[in-house]
Amino acid sequence: MVNQQPRRSFCKKDNYITKLKNHGLVRGFSFYNSPMDIGSGHWIFAGLFAFSFVVATVYAYRDDLKRTPSLFQGSWKFLLGVVLVVMILIVVKILFRFSH
């Protein structure tokens, strides 16, 4: 059997994380053990980001809609489907919150 040396990391970040793991300060990624709480500020930022993304996308494609409207036929059905799926997920989340 060959005497193997432990693997040396050339990245300081790897050594730092290894030290934290050895002391039990870092566990595997899990939403349940996550030390970060998602507060109202996070949700406000997410909502504003999503809204601004949609506005920017509509603004960018408004000229395409005027030039080639045939490419956008039925896009309202897709948008309606996305909205319905999101609403269903929210309802399921609320129902599971009250059932536990």
Protein backbone atom coordinates (compact mmCIF):
# COMPACT_ATOMS: atom_id res chain seq x y z
CA MET A 1 0.00 0.00 0.00
CA VAL A 2 1.35 3.38 -0.99
CA ASN A 3 1.51 6.06 1.67
CA GLN A 4 -0.76 8.79 0.30
CA GLN A 5 -0.41 12.40 1.27
CA PRO A 6 -3.60 14.31 2.03
CA ARG A 7 -4.77 16.40 -0.88
CA ARG A 8 -3.54 19.96 -0.64
CA SER A 9 -5.86 22.65 -1.80
CA PHE A 10 -4.46 25.64 -3.57
CA CYS A 11 -7.61 27.62 -2.90
CA LYS A 12 -7.88 29.43 0.42
CA LYS A 13 -11.66 29.21 0.22
CA ASP A 14 -11.52 25.39 0.22
CA ASN A 15 -9.34 25.38 3.32
CA TYR A 16 -11.65 27.83 5.08
CA ILE A 17 -14.75 25.76 4.31
CA THR A 18 -12.98 22.55 5.35
CA LYS A 19 -12.05 24.10 8.69
CA LEU A 20 -15.63 25.21 9.24
CA LYS A 21 -16.91 21.73 8.36
CA ASN A 22 -14.45 20.12 10.77
CA HIS A 23 -15.81 22.28 13.57
CA GLY A 24 -19.41 21.47 12.64
CA LEU A 25 -20.20 25.02 11.54
CA VAL A 26 -21.10 24.18 7.93
CA ARG A 27 -23.56 21.46 7.00
CA GLY A 28 -24.86 20.34 3.66
CA PHE A 29 -27.15 22.79 1.91
CA SER A 30 -30.69 22.56 3.11
CA PHE A 31 -33.56 24.98 3.14
CA TYR A 32 -34.50 23.75 6.60
CA ASN A 33 -31.08 24.32 8.18
CA SER A 34 -30.43 27.57 6.39
CA PRO A 35 -29.33 30.32 8.77
CA MET A 36 -30.65 33.02 6.43
CA ASP A 37 -34.20 34.15 7.02
CA ILE A 38 -36.10 35.55 4.07
CA GLY A 39 -37.67 38.74 5.29
CA SER A 40 -40.16 41.15 3.83
CA GLY A 41 -37.39 43.17 2.19
CA HIS A 42 -36.38 40.14 0.13
CA TRP A 43 -39.96 39.67 -1.08
CA ILE A 44 -40.30 43.35 -1.93
CA PHE A 45 -37.09 43.22 -3.94
CA ALA A 46 -38.20 40.04 -5.72
CA GLY A 47 -41.56 41.58 -6.61
CA LEU A 48 -40.02 44.80 -7.89
CA PHE A 49 -37.43 42.83 -9.88
CA ALA A 50 -40.08 40.61 -11.47
CA PHE A 51 -42.28 43.60 -12.31
CA SER A 52 -39.41 45.57 -13.84
CA PHE A 53 -38.31 42.48 -15.82
CA VAL A 54 -41.80 42.08 -17.30
CA VAL A 55 -42.03 45.79 -18.14
CA ALA A 56 -38.58 45.74 -19.79
CA THR A 57 -39.49 42.63 -21.81
CA VAL A 58 -42.77 44.13 -23.04
CA TYR A 59 -40.98 47.37 -23.92
CA ALA A 60 -38.31 45.47 -25.86
CA TYR A 61 -40.79 43.40 -27.88
CA ARG A 62 -43.38 46.07 -28.67
CA ASP A 63 -41.74 46.85 -32.02
CA ASP A 64 -41.66 43.16 -32.94
CA LEU A 65 -45.36 42.91 -32.15
CA LYS A 66 -46.09 45.74 -34.60
CA ARG A 67 -43.90 44.26 -37.37
CA THR A 68 -44.87 40.57 -37.11
CA PRO A 69 -48.11 40.11 -35.16
CA SER A 70 -48.49 36.55 -36.50
CA LEU A 71 -45.61 35.40 -34.28
CA PHE A 72 -47.44 36.52 -31.15
CA GLN A 73 -50.79 34.85 -31.81
CA GLY A 74 -51.81 32.78 -28.82
CA SER A 75 -49.22 34.31 -26.51
CA TRP A 76 -52.02 35.45 -24.21
CA LYS A 77 -52.91 31.78 -23.66
CA PHE A 78 -49.36 31.05 -22.51
CA LEU A 79 -49.38 34.07 -20.20
CA LEU A 80 -52.73 33.02 -18.77
CA GLY A 81 -51.35 29.51 -18.18
CA VAL A 82 -48.30 30.85 -16.34
CA VAL A 83 -50.50 33.05 -14.14
CA LEU A 84 -52.81 30.11 -13.37
CA VAL A 85 -49.91 27.82 -12.46
CA VAL A 86 -48.46 30.44 -10.10
CA MET A 87 -51.87 30.96 -8.50
CA ILE A 88 -52.33 27.20 -8.03
CA LEU A 89 -48.89 26.94 -6.39
CA ILE A 90 -49.76 29.79 -4.02
CA VAL A 91 -53.07 28.16 -3.09
CA VAL A 92 -51.36 24.79 -2.48
CA LYS A 93 -48.74 26.49 -0.31
CA ILE A 94 -51.42 28.22 1.75
CA LEU A 95 -53.39 24.98 2.14
CA PHE A 96 -50.29 23.06 3.29
CA ARG A 97 -49.45 25.81 5.75
CA PHE A 98 -52.83 25.46 7.45
CA SER A 99 -52.84 21.65 7.35
CA HIS A 100 -49.65 21.25 9.41
